[in-house]
Amino acid sequence: HHAIKFEYGGWRVWIDTLSILHGRITKEDYYRKVNQMVENMKDNDEDE
Protein backbone atom coordinates (compact mmCIF):
# COMPACT_ATOMS: atom_id res chain seq x y z
CA HIS A 1 0.00 0.00 0.00
CA HIS A 2 1.18 3.49 -0.79
CA ALA A 3 -0.11 4.72 2.56
CA ILE A 4 2.27 2.46 4.47
CA LYS A 5 5.14 3.45 2.19
CA PHE A 6 4.27 7.10 2.73
CA GLU A 7 4.10 6.74 6.52
CA TYR A 8 7.43 4.92 6.54
CA GLY A 9 9.00 7.76 4.56
CA GLY A 10 7.11 10.28 6.66
CA TRP A 11 8.84 9.49 9.94
CA ARG A 12 12.19 9.48 8.17
CA VAL A 13 11.48 13.00 6.89
CA TRP A 14 10.44 14.04 10.41
CA ILE A 15 13.71 12.72 11.87
CA ASP A 16 15.67 14.48 9.11
CA THR A 17 13.78 17.68 9.91
CA LEU A 18 14.74 17.40 13.58
CA SER A 19 18.35 16.83 12.49
CA ILE A 20 18.25 20.06 10.47
CA LEU A 21 16.84 21.97 13.44
CA HIS A 22 19.75 20.70 15.51
CA GLY A 23 22.18 21.64 12.74
CA ARG A 24 23.44 18.08 12.20
CA ILE A 25 22.84 18.19 8.46
CA THR A 26 22.52 21.04 5.98
CA LYS A 27 19.46 21.90 3.93
CA GLU A 28 21.36 20.84 0.81
CA ASP A 29 21.88 17.38 2.29
CA TYR A 30 18.22 17.31 3.32
CA TYR A 31 16.91 18.17 -0.14
CA ARG A 32 19.32 15.70 -1.74
CA LYS A 33 18.06 12.98 0.60
CA VAL A 34 14.41 13.83 -0.11
CA ASN A 35 14.97 13.77 -3.87
CA GLN A 36 16.74 10.43 -3.54
CA MET A 37 13.85 9.06 -1.48
CA VAL A 38 11.34 10.22 -4.12
CA GLU A 39 13.39 8.58 -6.88
CA ASN A 40 13.53 5.35 -4.87
CA MET A 41 9.74 5.44 -4.46
CA LYS A 42 9.34 5.84 -8.23
CA ASP A 43 11.66 2.89 -8.84
CA ASN A 44 9.75 0.75 -6.34
CA ASP A 45 6.45 1.60 -8.02
CA GLU A 46 7.85 0.58 -11.42
CA ASP A 47 9.09 -2.73 -10.04
CA GLU A 48 5.68 -3.73 -8.67
C-alpha atoms as a PDB file:
ATOM      1  CA  HIS A   1       0.000   0.000   0.000  1.00  0.00           C
ATOM      2  CA  HIS A   2       1.177   3.494  -0.790  1.00  0.00           C
ATOM      3  CA  ALA A   3      -0.114   4.721   2.564  1.00  0.00           C
ATOM      4  CA  ILE A   4       2.274   2.460   4.466  1.00  0.00           C
ATOM      5  CA  LYS A   5       5.144   3.447   2.193  1.00  0.00           C
ATOM      6  CA  PHE A   6       4.275   7.101   2.733  1.00  0.00           C
ATOM      7  CA  GLU A   7       4.096   6.741   6.517  1.00  0.00           C
ATOM      8  CA  TYR A   8       7.429   4.917   6.540  1.00  0.00           C
ATOM      9  CA  GLY A   9       8.996   7.763   4.564  1.00  0.00           C
ATOM     10  CA  GLY A  10       7.107  10.283   6.664  1.00  0.00           C
ATOM     11  CA  TRP A  11       8.837   9.492   9.940  1.00  0.00           C
ATOM     12  CA  ARG A  12      12.191   9.485   8.167  1.00  0.00           C
ATOM     13  CA  VAL A  13      11.480  12.999   6.893  1.00  0.00           C
ATOM     14  CA  TRP A  14      10.437  14.040  10.414  1.00  0.00           C
ATOM     15  CA  ILE A  15      13.713  12.724  11.870  1.00  0.00           C
ATOM     16  CA  ASP A  16      15.666  14.478   9.112  1.00  0.00           C
ATOM     17  CA  THR A  17      13.778  17.684   9.913  1.00  0.00           C
ATOM     18  CA  LEU A  18      14.742  17.397  13.576  1.00  0.00           C
ATOM     19  CA  SER A  19      18.346  16.834  12.488  1.00  0.00           C
ATOM     20  CA  ILE A  20      18.254  20.060  10.472  1.00  0.00           C
ATOM     21  CA  LEU A  21      16.840  21.973  13.438  1.00  0.00           C
ATOM     22  CA  HIS A  22      19.746  20.696  15.510  1.00  0.00           C
ATOM     23  CA  GLY A  23      22.183  21.638  12.745  1.00  0.00           C
ATOM     24  CA  ARG A  24      23.440  18.084  12.203  1.00  0.00           C
ATOM     25  CA  ILE A  25      22.835  18.193   8.456  1.00  0.00           C
ATOM     26  CA  THR A  26      22.519  21.041   5.983  1.00  0.00           C
ATOM     27  CA  LYS A  27      19.461  21.902   3.927  1.00  0.00           C
ATOM     28  CA  GLU A  28      21.359  20.839   0.811  1.00  0.00           C
ATOM     29  CA  ASP A  29      21.883  17.377   2.294  1.00  0.00           C
ATOM     30  CA  TYR A  30      18.223  17.308   3.315  1.00  0.00           C
ATOM     31  CA  TYR A  31      16.914  18.167  -0.145  1.00  0.00           C
ATOM     32  CA  ARG A  32      19.323  15.696  -1.737  1.00  0.00           C
ATOM     33  CA  LYS A  33      18.057  12.979   0.603  1.00  0.00           C
ATOM     34  CA  VAL A  34      14.412  13.831  -0.109  1.00  0.00           C
ATOM     35  CA  ASN A  35      14.974  13.774  -3.870  1.00  0.00           C
ATOM     36  CA  GLN A  36      16.744  10.429  -3.544  1.00  0.00           C
ATOM     37  CA  MET A  37      13.845   9.062  -1.481  1.00  0.00           C
ATOM     38  CA  VAL A  38      11.342  10.216  -4.124  1.00  0.00           C
ATOM     39  CA  GLU A  39      13.389   8.579  -6.880  1.00  0.00           C
ATOM     40  CA  ASN A  40      13.525   5.345  -4.867  1.00  0.00           C
ATOM     41  CA  MET A  41       9.743   5.436  -4.458  1.00  0.00           C
ATOM     42  CA  LYS A  42       9.341   5.836  -8.227  1.00  0.00           C
ATOM     43  CA  ASP A  43      11.664   2.891  -8.839  1.00  0.00           C
ATOM     44  CA  ASN A  44       9.753   0.754  -6.341  1.00  0.00           C
ATOM     45  CA  ASP A  45       6.452   1.596  -8.024  1.00  0.00           C
ATOM     46  CA  GLU A  46       7.848   0.584 -11.418  1.00  0.00           C
ATOM     47  CA  ASP A  47       9.089  -2.735 -10.037  1.00  0.00           C
ATOM     48  CA  GLU A  48       5.676  -3.733  -8.671  1.00  0.00           C
END
